[in-house]
């Protein structure tokens, strides 16, 4: 398995300042459930977001996939990406050091 990272940014920056509208809130719940599912399946290594609320805010998902095609499928299946609430950009990645991992 290879490691990949995708970077997420909100398509509506006001969502970060004012909070999500009803539809966005529902999609974000599905997004979190999707990422937690990747963790449960031991496909995701970690995910999180910056603690800012401006246009510089972004989230990341570091995960494993067999190849670029599967990595793209995983990223595009994320409900926040699929719905257009967030835009994602995929990069090949390599975790070099991590607490609890040798």
Protein backbone atom coordinates (compact mmCIF):
# COMPACT_ATOMS: atom_id res chain seq x y z
CA UNK A 1 0.00 0.00 0.00
CA UNK A 2 1.10 3.54 -0.75
CA UNK A 3 0.38 6.65 1.26
CA UNK A 4 -1.50 9.66 -0.04
CA UNK A 5 -2.77 12.92 1.34
CA UNK A 6 -5.64 15.05 0.20
CA UNK A 7 -6.06 18.66 1.15
CA UNK A 8 -9.59 19.98 1.62
CA UNK A 9 -10.79 23.57 1.34
CA UNK A 10 -14.29 24.92 1.77
CA UNK A 11 -15.98 26.10 -1.41
CA UNK A 12 -18.01 28.62 0.58
CA UNK A 13 -15.58 30.37 2.95
CA UNK A 14 -18.48 31.99 4.83
CA UNK A 15 -19.30 28.47 6.10
CA UNK A 16 -16.15 28.77 8.24
CA UNK A 17 -17.16 32.15 9.68
CA UNK A 18 -20.93 31.82 9.99
CA UNK A 19 -21.18 28.06 10.32
CA UNK A 20 -22.64 25.59 7.86
CA UNK A 21 -26.18 25.94 6.55
CA UNK A 22 -28.58 23.02 7.02
CA UNK A 23 -27.52 21.12 3.91
CA UNK A 24 -23.82 21.69 4.56
CA UNK A 25 -24.20 20.53 8.17
CA UNK A 26 -25.76 17.27 7.00
CA UNK A 27 -23.03 16.74 4.41
CA UNK A 28 -20.33 17.46 7.01
CA UNK A 29 -21.84 14.78 9.28
CA UNK A 30 -21.57 12.29 6.40
CA UNK A 31 -18.02 13.52 5.70
CA UNK A 32 -16.98 12.83 9.31
CA UNK A 33 -18.66 9.41 9.26
CA UNK A 34 -16.86 8.60 6.00
CA UNK A 35 -13.47 9.54 7.46
CA UNK A 36 -14.15 7.61 10.65
CA UNK A 37 -15.04 4.63 8.47
CA UNK A 38 -11.66 4.90 6.74
CA UNK A 39 -10.04 4.86 10.20
CA UNK A 40 -12.07 1.83 11.25
CA UNK A 41 -11.03 0.03 8.07
CA UNK A 42 -7.42 0.99 8.86
CA UNK A 43 -7.19 2.81 5.54
CA UNK A 44 -6.87 6.32 7.01
CA UNK A 45 -3.81 7.16 9.07
CA UNK A 46 -5.10 10.50 10.32
CA UNK A 47 -7.34 13.40 9.42
CA UNK A 48 -7.91 16.87 10.80
CA UNK A 49 -8.12 20.56 10.03
CA UNK A 50 -6.46 23.81 10.88
CA UNK A 51 -8.11 25.70 13.72
CA UNK A 52 -8.53 28.92 11.77
CA UNK A 53 -11.73 30.25 10.25
CA UNK A 54 -10.52 32.31 7.30
CA UNK A 55 -9.82 31.52 3.69
CA UNK A 56 -6.48 29.94 4.70
CA UNK A 57 -8.30 27.14 6.56
CA UNK A 58 -7.80 23.61 5.25
CA UNK A 59 -8.16 20.01 6.27
CA UNK A 60 -6.05 16.98 5.44
CA UNK A 61 -6.60 13.26 5.18
CA UNK A 62 -3.58 10.96 5.16
CA UNK A 63 -4.47 7.47 4.02
CA UNK A 64 -3.31 4.34 2.23
CA UNK A 65 -4.34 3.07 -1.19
CA UNK A 66 -2.96 0.50 -3.57
CA UNK A 67 -2.38 3.06 -6.33
CA UNK A 68 -3.22 6.55 -7.61
CA UNK A 69 -6.51 5.38 -9.13
CA UNK A 70 -7.77 3.94 -5.86
CA UNK A 71 -6.56 7.05 -4.00
CA UNK A 72 -8.57 9.26 -6.36
CA UNK A 73 -11.64 7.06 -5.88
CA UNK A 74 -11.34 7.34 -2.09
CA UNK A 75 -10.95 11.12 -2.25
CA UNK A 76 -13.86 11.60 -4.69
CA UNK A 77 -16.10 9.34 -2.57
CA UNK A 78 -15.75 11.72 0.39
CA UNK A 79 -19.25 13.21 0.78
CA UNK A 80 -17.88 16.75 1.23
CA UNK A 81 -16.01 16.45 -2.08
CA UNK A 82 -18.74 14.56 -3.90
CA UNK A 83 -21.34 17.18 -2.97
CA UNK A 84 -19.15 20.16 -3.79
CA UNK A 85 -19.05 21.52 -0.23
CA UNK A 86 -15.26 21.13 -0.34
CA UNK A 87 -12.60 20.94 -3.01
CA UNK A 88 -9.84 18.36 -2.61
CA UNK A 89 -6.39 18.03 -4.10
CA UNK A 90 -4.53 14.71 -3.97
CA UNK A 91 -0.79 14.20 -3.47
CA UNK A 92 1.38 11.11 -3.14
CA UNK A 93 2.73 11.20 0.42
CA UNK A 94 5.14 9.39 2.68
CA UNK A 95 4.93 9.45 6.46
CA UNK A 96 8.53 9.61 7.66
CA UNK A 97 8.02 9.88 11.39
CA UNK A 98 5.01 9.49 13.62
CA UNK A 99 4.59 8.99 17.34
CA UNK A 100 3.86 5.33 18.08
CA UNK A 101 4.97 4.22 14.64
CA UNK A 102 8.45 3.00 13.81
